[in-house]
Amino acid sequence: ADGYYYLGHVAQEVKSSRERFLIEFDKSRTLKGKVQLRMQETPLYDILHYEDARQQPLAPGDRVLAPWEAKAERFGPGTVLKIMENKEACLAPNRRGVIVNFWNGQTKEVSSDQALRI
């Protein structure tokens, strides 16, 4: 595991534990040039329900997981600095932009439906 969050789904519960699940990731990922497996055993506390989390209203100061890279494959932690109005955001009319300050010092605008409150 590289410490980032990725989109995926629960494939099955691990038989020997009620708090660990086998997760199948939506995309294969690479680490140091090697393709990683699409399946990973993951503890319950590291799993977020994407649809529920993205429906939560956001406000400045909220802690979120959001993509900071152009491909939007990896999610990392950050803090919401500002919620953009539709006319300010560079997004589709029914989406709001969110300015997020990420753990790595980068500040980016992401779509509000990609910023998951944690």
Protein backbone atom coordinates (compact mmCIF):
# COMPACT_ATOMS: atom_id res chain seq x y z
CA ALA A 1 0.00 0.00 0.00
CA ASP A 2 1.27 3.46 -0.86
CA GLY A 3 -0.84 5.51 1.58
CA TYR A 4 -3.20 6.99 -1.02
CA TYR A 5 -6.87 6.20 -1.58
CA TYR A 6 -8.24 4.75 -4.83
CA LEU A 7 -11.69 4.06 -6.23
CA GLY A 8 -12.78 0.44 -5.99
CA HIS A 9 -15.45 -1.84 -4.61
CA VAL A 10 -15.76 -4.50 -1.94
CA ALA A 11 -15.28 -7.87 -3.61
CA GLN A 12 -15.82 -9.96 -0.48
CA GLU A 13 -15.43 -10.11 3.29
CA VAL A 14 -12.26 -11.81 4.49
CA LYS A 15 -13.40 -15.12 6.00
CA SER A 16 -11.25 -14.99 9.14
CA SER A 17 -12.20 -11.40 10.05
CA ARG A 18 -15.40 -9.37 10.18
CA GLU A 19 -13.42 -6.12 9.88
CA ARG A 20 -11.29 -6.83 6.77
CA PHE A 21 -12.45 -6.91 3.18
CA LEU A 22 -10.99 -7.79 -0.19
CA ILE A 23 -11.14 -4.64 -2.34
CA GLU A 24 -10.98 -4.70 -6.14
CA PHE A 25 -9.66 -1.40 -7.44
CA ASP A 26 -11.15 0.22 -10.54
CA LYS A 27 -7.72 0.60 -12.19
CA SER A 28 -4.42 -1.18 -11.86
CA ARG A 29 -1.79 1.06 -10.38
CA THR A 30 1.96 1.21 -10.66
CA LEU A 31 4.46 1.54 -7.87
CA LYS A 32 8.12 2.11 -8.76
CA GLY A 33 7.42 1.02 -12.33
CA LYS A 34 5.71 -2.26 -11.37
CA VAL A 35 2.02 -2.92 -11.89
CA GLN A 36 0.30 -3.64 -8.57
CA LEU A 37 -2.49 -6.13 -8.11
CA ARG A 38 -6.04 -4.87 -8.52
CA MET A 39 -7.08 -6.72 -5.34
CA GLN A 40 -6.04 -5.82 -1.81
CA GLU A 41 -7.10 -6.90 1.67
CA THR A 42 -8.16 -3.73 3.46
CA PRO A 43 -9.30 -2.99 7.03
CA LEU A 44 -12.79 -1.55 7.46
CA TYR A 45 -11.44 1.74 8.87
CA ASP A 46 -9.69 2.45 5.53
CA ILE A 47 -12.88 2.07 3.46
CA LEU A 48 -15.10 5.03 2.54
CA HIS A 49 -18.50 4.71 0.91
CA TYR A 50 -17.92 7.01 -2.08
CA GLU A 51 -21.56 7.79 -2.90
CA ASP A 52 -22.41 8.62 0.72
CA ALA A 53 -19.27 10.69 1.28
CA ARG A 54 -19.69 12.79 -1.87
CA GLN A 55 -23.26 13.72 -0.90
CA GLN A 56 -22.11 15.37 2.34
CA PRO A 57 -22.22 19.18 2.16
CA LEU A 58 -18.81 20.84 2.33
CA ALA A 59 -17.69 24.02 4.10
CA PRO A 60 -14.36 25.79 4.50
CA GLY A 61 -12.24 23.99 7.09
CA ASP A 62 -13.64 20.52 6.30
CA ARG A 63 -11.09 17.73 5.93
CA VAL A 64 -11.48 15.82 2.68
CA LEU A 65 -9.96 13.16 0.46
CA ALA A 66 -9.73 14.45 -3.11
CA PRO A 67 -7.70 13.91 -6.27
CA TRP A 68 -4.86 16.38 -6.75
CA GLU A 69 -3.40 15.05 -9.99
CA ALA A 70 -4.69 15.56 -13.54
CA LYS A 71 -5.62 11.88 -13.96
CA ALA A 72 -7.71 11.99 -10.74
CA GLU A 73 -6.82 8.37 -9.92
CA ARG A 74 -5.31 8.86 -6.45
CA PHE A 75 -7.05 10.62 -3.58
CA GLY A 76 -5.11 12.35 -0.80
CA PRO A 77 -6.02 14.34 2.33
CA GLY A 78 -6.59 18.06 2.33
CA THR A 79 -8.56 20.93 3.83
CA VAL A 80 -11.31 22.87 2.06
CA LEU A 81 -10.33 26.52 1.77
CA LYS A 82 -13.24 27.83 -0.30
CA ILE A 83 -16.43 26.70 -1.98
CA MET A 84 -16.65 28.31 -5.43
CA GLU A 85 -19.91 29.61 -6.83
CA ASN A 86 -20.93 28.23 -10.23
CA LYS A 87 -19.89 31.44 -12.00
CA GLU A 88 -16.41 31.28 -10.40
CA ALA A 89 -15.78 27.58 -10.97
CA CYS A 90 -14.38 26.20 -14.21
CA LEU A 91 -16.80 23.27 -14.12
CA ALA A 92 -20.15 22.12 -15.47
CA PRO A 93 -23.09 24.38 -14.49
CA ASN A 94 -24.57 21.97 -11.93
CA ARG A 95 -21.27 21.34 -10.09
CA ARG A 96 -19.46 23.55 -7.65
CA GLY A 97 -15.73 23.88 -7.41
CA VAL A 98 -13.87 23.40 -4.16
CA ILE A 99 -10.45 24.89 -3.44
CA VAL A 100 -8.47 22.30 -1.45
CA ASN A 101 -5.11 22.72 0.26
CA PHE A 102 -3.51 19.26 0.12
CA TRP A 103 -1.10 17.68 2.62
CA ASN A 104 1.76 18.12 0.13
CA GLY A 105 1.39 21.92 -0.04
CA GLN A 106 -0.47 21.99 -3.36
CA THR A 107 -3.68 24.00 -3.62
CA LYS A 108 -6.08 22.90 -6.36
CA GLU A 109 -9.66 23.38 -7.49
CA VAL A 110 -11.56 20.11 -7.67
CA SER A 111 -15.19 19.29 -8.38
CA SER A 112 -17.33 19.17 -5.24
CA ASP A 113 -18.45 15.65 -6.15
CA GLN A 114 -14.83 14.44 -5.98
CA ALA A 115 -14.05 15.95 -2.56
CA LEU A 116 -15.05 13.37 0.04
CA ARG A 117 -15.52 14.68 3.58
CA ILE A 118 -13.69 12.59 6.18
